[in-house]
Amino acid sequence: MLFRSPKGENFYVGITTDPPNRLRQHGRPASYYLKGPLERDQAIRLERKLKKFTRLEKWDLIKEFSQHR
């Protein structure tokens, strides 16, 4: 899961088994990227990959995902 904080200052990248709850915990961001369900090892690999993205790459991924949901 990847989303921008409600204040728009930071990006959150992490693994969750309950996306709706995680979004509630973080103030219900309007735009986010979600992939899954994945096996835990796949999710960890994706999380590490996303954490290496630049801010622009993260924002582009969120915008692309939001357009297709």
PDB file of N, CA and C in Angstrom:
ATOM      1  N   MET A   1       0.842  -1.154   0.000  1.00  0.00           N
ATOM      2  CA  MET A   1       0.000   0.000   0.000  1.00  0.00           C
ATOM      3  C   MET A   1       0.897   1.228   0.000  1.00  0.00           C
ATOM      4  N   LEU A   2       0.508   2.197  -0.804  1.00  0.00           N
ATOM      5  CA  LEU A   2       1.243   3.451  -0.909  1.00  0.00           C
ATOM      6  C   LEU A   2       0.234   4.572  -0.947  1.00  0.00           C
ATOM      7  N   PHE A   3       0.418   5.585  -0.119  1.00  0.00           N
ATOM      8  CA  PHE A   3      -0.433   6.755  -0.196  1.00  0.00           C
ATOM      9  C   PHE A   3       0.293   7.955   0.373  1.00  0.00           C
ATOM     10  N   ARG A   4      -0.224   9.099   0.039  1.00  0.00           N
ATOM     11  CA  ARG A   4       0.318  10.349   0.538  1.00  0.00           C
ATOM     12  C   ARG A   4      -0.408  10.701   1.827  1.00  0.00           C
ATOM     13  N   SER A   5       0.319  11.229   2.791  1.00  0.00           N
ATOM     14  CA  SER A   5      -0.312  11.594   4.055  1.00  0.00           C
ATOM     15  C   SER A   5      -1.394  12.638   3.814  1.00  0.00           C
ATOM     16  N   PRO A   6      -2.415  12.675   4.657  1.00  0.00           N
ATOM     17  CA  PRO A   6      -3.494  13.654   4.484  1.00  0.00           C
ATOM     18  C   PRO A   6      -2.992  15.099   4.385  1.00  0.00           C
ATOM     19  N   LYS A   7      -1.901  15.406   5.063  1.00  0.00           N
ATOM     20  CA  LYS A   7      -1.326  16.753   4.984  1.00  0.00           C
ATOM     21  C   LYS A   7      -0.507  16.934   3.709  1.00  0.00           C
ATOM     22  N   GLY A   8      -0.250  15.846   2.979  1.00  0.00           N
ATOM     23  CA  GLY A   8       0.462  15.915   1.722  1.00  0.00           C
ATOM     24  C   GLY A   8       1.961  16.085   1.836  1.00  0.00           C
ATOM     25  N   GLU A   9       2.500  15.894   3.028  1.00  0.00           N
ATOM     26  CA  GLU A   9       3.924  16.115   3.239  1.00  0.00           C
ATOM     27  C   GLU A   9       4.768  14.871   2.973  1.00  0.00           C
ATOM     28  N   ASN A  10       4.236  13.708   3.292  1.00  0.00           N
ATOM     29  CA  ASN A  10       5.003  12.472   3.206  1.00  0.00           C
ATOM     30  C   ASN A  10       4.208  11.390   2.505  1.00  0.00           C
ATOM     31  N   PHE A  11       4.941  10.370   2.070  1.00  0.00           N
ATOM     32  CA  PHE A  11       4.313   9.179   1.508  1.00  0.00           C
ATOM     33  C   PHE A  11       4.415   8.061   2.529  1.00  0.00           C
ATOM     34  N   TYR A  12       3.397   7.232   2.579  1.00  0.00           N
ATOM     35  CA  TYR A  12       3.394   6.055   3.433  1.00  0.00           C
ATOM     36  C   TYR A  12       3.508   4.837   2.530  1.00  0.00           C
ATOM     37  N   VAL A  13       4.468   3.977   2.794  1.00  0.00           N
ATOM     38  CA  VAL A  13       4.629   2.711   2.076  1.00  0.00           C
ATOM     39  C   VAL A  13       4.621   1.619   3.123  1.00  0.00           C
ATOM     40  N   GLY A  14       3.755   0.621   2.948  1.00  0.00           N
ATOM     41  CA  GLY A  14       3.718  -0.442   3.926  1.00  0.00           C
ATOM     42  C   GLY A  14       2.857  -1.609   3.501  1.00  0.00           C
ATOM     43  N   ILE A  15       2.933  -2.650   4.281  1.00  0.00           N
ATOM     44  CA  ILE A  15       2.184  -3.877   4.061  1.00  0.00           C
ATOM     45  C   ILE A  15       1.023  -3.911   5.047  1.00  0.00           C
ATOM     46  N   THR A  16      -0.125  -4.381   4.585  1.00  0.00           N
ATOM     47  CA  THR A  16      -1.265  -4.532   5.486  1.00  0.00           C
ATOM     48  C   THR A  16      -2.136  -5.698   5.033  1.00  0.00           C
ATOM     49  N   THR A  17      -2.795  -6.315   5.980  1.00  0.00           N
ATOM     50  CA  THR A  17      -3.765  -7.357   5.663  1.00  0.00           C
ATOM     51  C   THR A  17      -5.184  -6.793   5.685  1.00  0.00           C
ATOM     52  N   ASP A  18      -5.305  -5.517   6.071  1.00  0.00           N
ATOM     53  CA  ASP A  18      -6.620  -4.876   6.170  1.00  0.00           C
ATOM     54  C   ASP A  18      -6.545  -3.448   5.613  1.00  0.00           C
ATOM     55  N   PRO A  19      -6.535  -3.300   4.274  1.00  0.00           N
ATOM     56  CA  PRO A  19      -6.405  -1.968   3.669  1.00  0.00           C
ATOM     57  C   PRO A  19      -7.445  -0.945   4.135  1.00  0.00           C
ATOM     58  N   PRO A  20      -8.744  -1.287   4.232  1.00  0.00           N
ATOM     59  CA  PRO A  20      -9.702  -0.272   4.692  1.00  0.00           C
ATOM     60  C   PRO A  20      -9.368   0.271   6.087  1.00  0.00           C
ATOM     61  N   ASN A  21      -8.948  -0.609   6.981  1.00  0.00           N
ATOM     62  CA  ASN A  21      -8.579  -0.169   8.325  1.00  0.00           C
ATOM     63  C   ASN A  21      -7.332   0.713   8.281  1.00  0.00           C
ATOM     64  N   ARG A  22      -6.343   0.326   7.493  1.00  0.00           N
ATOM     65  CA  ARG A  22      -5.115   1.128   7.401  1.00  0.00           C
ATOM     66  C   ARG A  22      -5.408   2.518   6.848  1.00  0.00           C
ATOM     67  N   LEU A  23      -6.297   2.591   5.861  1.00  0.00           N
ATOM     68  CA  LEU A  23      -6.669   3.899   5.314  1.00  0.00           C
ATOM     69  C   LEU A  23      -7.393   4.743   6.362  1.00  0.00           C
ATOM     70  N   ARG A  24      -8.264   4.119   7.157  1.00  0.00           N
ATOM     71  CA  ARG A  24      -8.944   4.840   8.251  1.00  0.00           C
ATOM     72  C   ARG A  24      -7.929   5.378   9.258  1.00  0.00           C
ATOM     73  N   GLN A  25      -6.951   4.548   9.600  1.00  0.00           N
ATOM     74  CA  GLN A  25      -5.942   4.943  10.582  1.00  0.00           C
ATOM     75  C   GLN A  25      -5.151   6.166  10.125  1.00  0.00           C
ATOM     76  N   HIS A  26      -5.037   6.325   8.819  1.00  0.00           N
ATOM     77  CA  HIS A  26      -4.235   7.416   8.273  1.00  0.00           C
ATOM     78  C   HIS A  26      -5.089   8.532   7.681  1.00  0.00           C
ATOM     79  N   GLY A  27      -6.304   8.659   8.132  1.00  0.00           N
ATOM     80  CA  GLY A  27      -7.131   9.789   7.747  1.00  0.00           C
ATOM     81  C   GLY A  27      -7.819   9.678   6.404  1.00  0.00           C
ATOM     82  N   ARG A  28      -8.006   8.463   5.912  1.00  0.00           N
ATOM     83  CA  ARG A  28      -8.729   8.212   4.659  1.00  0.00           C
ATOM     84  C   ARG A  28      -8.221   9.037   3.484  1.00  0.00           C
ATOM     85  N   PRO A  29      -6.966   8.833   3.079  1.00  0.00           N
ATOM     86  CA  PRO A  29      -6.455   9.579   1.932  1.00  0.00           C
ATOM     87  C   PRO A  29      -7.284   9.287   0.681  1.00  0.00           C
ATOM     88  N   ALA A  30      -7.516  10.312  -0.119  1.00  0.00           N
ATOM     89  CA  ALA A  30      -8.354  10.168  -1.313  1.00  0.00           C
ATOM     90  C   ALA A  30      -7.638   9.398  -2.413  1.00  0.00           C
ATOM     91  N   SER A  31      -6.333   9.530  -2.485  1.00  0.00           N
ATOM     92  CA  SER A  31      -5.561   8.882  -3.540  1.00  0.00           C
ATOM     93  C   SER A  31      -4.572   7.908  -2.924  1.00  0.00           C
ATOM     94  N   TYR A  32      -4.530   6.718  -3.484  1.00  0.00           N
ATOM     95  CA  TYR A  32      -3.604   5.716  -2.971  1.00  0.00           C
ATOM     96  C   TYR A  32      -3.338   4.671  -4.047  1.00  0.00           C
ATOM     97  N   TYR A  33      -2.321   3.829  -3.804  1.00  0.00           N
ATOM     98  CA  TYR A  33      -1.978   2.712  -4.670  1.00  0.00           C
ATOM     99  C   TYR A  33      -2.069   1.460  -3.811  1.00  0.00           C
ATOM    100  N   LEU A  34      -2.705   0.451  -4.353  1.00  0.00           N
ATOM    101  CA  LEU A  34      -2.895  -0.795  -3.628  1.00  0.00           C
ATOM    102  C   LEU A  34      -2.693  -1.950  -4.592  1.00  0.00           C
ATOM    103  N   LYS A  35      -1.934  -2.938  -4.183  1.00  0.00           N
ATOM    104  CA  LYS A  35      -1.731  -4.120  -5.010  1.00  0.00           C
ATOM    105  C   LYS A  35      -1.885  -5.341  -4.126  1.00  0.00           C
ATOM    106  N   GLY A  36      -2.619  -6.314  -4.624  1.00  0.00           N
ATOM    107  CA  GLY A  36      -2.748  -7.522  -3.838  1.00  0.00           C
ATOM    108  C   GLY A  36      -4.070  -8.213  -4.088  1.00  0.00           C
ATOM    109  N   PRO A  37      -4.300  -9.276  -3.389  1.00  0.00           N
ATOM    110  CA  PRO A  37      -3.477  -9.796  -2.303  1.00  0.00           C
ATOM    111  C   PRO A  37      -2.196 -10.443  -2.821  1.00  0.00           C
ATOM    112  N   LEU A  38      -1.166 -10.342  -2.014  1.00  0.00           N
ATOM    113  CA  LEU A  38       0.133 -10.928  -2.331  1.00  0.00           C
ATOM    114  C   LEU A  38       0.579 -11.820  -1.177  1.00  0.00           C
ATOM    115  N   GLU A  39       1.428 -12.778  -1.506  1.00  0.00           N
ATOM    116  CA  GLU A  39       2.082 -13.553  -0.451  1.00  0.00           C
ATOM    117  C   GLU A  39       3.006 -12.599   0.306  1.00  0.00           C
ATOM    118  N   ARG A  40       3.267 -12.893   1.562  1.00  0.00           N
ATOM    119  CA  ARG A  40       4.063 -11.993   2.398  1.00  0.00           C
ATOM    120  C   ARG A  40       5.425 -11.668   1.783  1.00  0.00           C
ATOM    121  N   ASP A  41       6.130 -12.661   1.255  1.00  0.00           N
ATOM    122  CA  ASP A  41       7.452 -12.393   0.679  1.00  0.00           C
ATOM    123  C   ASP A  41       7.346 -11.494  -0.559  1.00  0.00           C
ATOM    124  N   GLN A  42       6.285 -11.644  -1.337  1.00  0.00           N
ATOM    125  CA  GLN A  42       6.069 -10.770  -2.491  1.00  0.00           C
ATOM    126  C   GLN A  42       5.778  -9.344  -2.028  1.00  0.00           C
ATOM    127  N   ALA A  43       4.972  -9.228  -0.994  1.00  0.00           N
ATOM    128  CA  ALA A  43       4.623  -7.909  -0.461  1.00  0.00           C
ATOM    129  C   ALA A  43       5.856  -7.187   0.078  1.00  0.00           C
ATOM    130  N   ILE A  44       6.721  -7.918   0.742  1.00  0.00           N
ATOM    131  CA  ILE A  44       7.943  -7.325   1.283  1.00  0.00           C
ATOM    132  C   ILE A  44       8.845  -6.839   0.150  1.00  0.00           C
ATOM    133  N   ARG A  45       8.979  -7.633  -0.903  1.00  0.00           N
ATOM    134  CA  ARG A  45       9.792  -7.216  -2.060  1.00  0.00           C
ATOM    135  C   ARG A  45       9.223  -5.950  -2.701  1.00  0.00           C
ATOM    136  N   LEU A  46       7.892  -5.909  -2.869  1.00  0.00           N
ATOM    137  CA  LEU A  46       7.257  -4.735  -3.457  1.00  0.00           C
ATOM    138  C   LEU A  46       7.441  -3.514  -2.551  1.00  0.00           C
ATOM    139  N   GLU A  47       7.287  -3.698  -1.256  1.00  0.00           N
ATOM    140  CA  GLU A  47       7.474  -2.594  -0.317  1.00  0.00           C
ATOM    141  C   GLU A  47       8.884  -2.019  -0.436  1.00  0.00           C
ATOM    142  N   ARG A  48       9.878  -2.871  -0.471  1.00  0.00           N
ATOM    143  CA  ARG A  48      11.271  -2.403  -0.602  1.00  0.00           C
ATOM    144  C   ARG A  48      11.476  -1.652  -1.912  1.00  0.00           C
ATOM    145  N   LYS A  49      10.870  -2.158  -2.976  1.00  0.00           N
ATOM    146  CA  LYS A  49      10.983  -1.509  -4.281  1.00  0.00           C
ATOM    147  C   LYS A  49      10.340  -0.117  -4.248  1.00  0.00           C
ATOM    148  N   LEU A  50       9.130  -0.024  -3.690  1.00  0.00           N
ATOM    149  CA  LEU A  50       8.421   1.255  -3.634  1.00  0.00           C
ATOM    150  C   LEU A  50       9.156   2.272  -2.767  1.00  0.00           C
ATOM    151  N   LYS A  51       9.799   1.816  -1.705  1.00  0.00           N
ATOM    152  CA  LYS A  51      10.520   2.738  -0.831  1.00  0.00           C
ATOM    153  C   LYS A  51      11.713   3.375  -1.527  1.00  0.00           C
ATOM    154  N   LYS A  52      12.192   2.748  -2.586  1.00  0.00           N
ATOM    155  CA  LYS A  52      13.319   3.297  -3.349  1.00  0.00           C
ATOM    156  C   LYS A  52      12.863   4.282  -4.425  1.00  0.00           C
ATOM    157  N   PHE A  53      11.573   4.339  -4.700  1.00  0.00           N
ATOM    158  CA  PHE A  53      11.045   5.257  -5.706  1.00  0.00           C
ATOM    159  C   PHE A  53      11.272   6.706  -5.259  1.00  0.00           C
ATOM    160  N   THR A  54      11.414   7.579  -6.231  1.00  0.00           N
ATOM    161  CA  THR A  54      11.467   9.009  -5.928  1.00  0.00           C
ATOM    162  C   THR A  54      10.059   9.475  -5.575  1.00  0.00           C
ATOM    163  N   ARG A  55       9.949  10.677  -5.030  1.00  0.00           N
ATOM    164  CA  ARG A  55       8.633  11.238  -4.714  1.00  0.00           C
ATOM    165  C   ARG A  55       7.777  11.324  -5.969  1.00  0.00           C
ATOM    166  N   LEU A  56       8.383  11.738  -7.072  1.00  0.00           N
ATOM    167  CA  LEU A  56       7.648  11.868  -8.330  1.00  0.00           C
ATOM    168  C   LEU A  56       7.158  10.505  -8.823  1.00  0.00           C
ATOM    169  N   GLU A  57       7.991   9.482  -8.737  1.00  0.00           N
ATOM    170  CA  GLU A  57       7.578   8.138  -9.151  1.00  0.00           C
ATOM    171  C   GLU A  57       6.419   7.627  -8.290  1.00  0.00           C
ATOM    172  N   LYS A  58       6.484   7.887  -6.985  1.00  0.00           N
ATOM    173  CA  LYS A  58       5.397   7.467  -6.094  1.00  0.00           C
ATOM    174  C   LYS A  58       4.104   8.190  -6.449  1.00  0.00           C
ATOM    175  N   TRP A  59       4.209   9.490  -6.670  1.00  0.00           N
ATOM    176  CA  TRP A  59       3.019  10.267  -6.994  1.00  0.00           C
ATOM    177  C   TRP A  59       2.424   9.814  -8.325  1.00  0.00           C
ATOM    178  N   ASP A  60       3.267   9.552  -9.320  1.00  0.00           N
ATOM    179  CA  ASP A  60       2.787   9.067 -10.621  1.00  0.00           C
ATOM    180  C   ASP A  60       2.070   7.726 -10.486  1.00  0.00           C
ATOM    181  N   LEU A  61       2.601   6.835  -9.669  1.00  0.00           N
ATOM    182  CA  LEU A  61       1.979   5.528  -9.457  1.00  0.00           C
ATOM    183  C   LEU A  61       0.609   5.684  -8.800  1.00  0.00           C
ATOM    184  N   ILE A  62       0.506   6.546  -7.816  1.00  0.00           N
ATOM    185  CA  ILE A  62      -0.777   6.795  -7.156  1.00  0.00           C
ATOM    186  C   ILE A  62      -1.780   7.370  -8.144  1.00  0.00           C
ATOM    187  N   LYS A  63      -1.370   8.358  -8.930  1.00  0.00           N
ATOM    188  CA  LYS A  63      -2.282   8.980  -9.893  1.00  0.00           C
ATOM    189  C   LYS A  63      -2.763   7.964 -10.933  1.00  0.00           C
ATOM    190  N   GLU A  64      -1.856   7.136 -11.432  1.00  0.00           N
ATOM    191  CA  GLU A  64      -2.234   6.122 -12.429  1.00  0.00           C
ATOM    192  C   GLU A  64      -3.224   5.121 -11.844  1.00  0.00           C
ATOM    193  N   PHE A  65      -2.978   4.645 -10.627  1.00  0.00           N
ATOM    194  CA  PHE A  65      -3.863   3.687  -9.991  1.00  0.00           C
ATOM    195  C   PHE A  65      -5.235   4.302  -9.727  1.00  0.00           C
ATOM    196  N   SER A  66      -5.247   5.552  -9.276  1.00  0.00           N
ATOM    197  CA  SER A  66      -6.512   6.229  -8.955  1.00  0.00           C
ATOM    198  C   SER A  66      -7.397   6.414 -10.189  1.00  0.00           C
ATOM    199  N   GLN A  67      -6.790   6.563 -11.348  1.00  0.00           N
ATOM    200  CA  GLN A  67      -7.543   6.735 -12.575  1.00  0.00           C
ATOM    201  C   GLN A  67      -8.220   5.460 -13.030  1.00  0.00           C
ATOM    202  N   HIS A  68      -7.695   4.303 -12.600  1.00  0.00           N
ATOM    203  CA  HIS A  68      -8.207   3.011 -13.071  1.00  0.00           C
ATOM    204  C   HIS A  68      -9.044   2.268 -12.048  1.00  0.00           C
ATOM    205  N   ARG A  69      -9.352   2.879 -10.923  1.00  0.00           N
ATOM    206  CA  ARG A  69     -10.189   2.158  -9.944  1.00  0.00           C
ATOM    207  C   ARG A  69     -11.581   2.675  -9.949  1.00  0.00           C
TER     208      ARG A  69
END
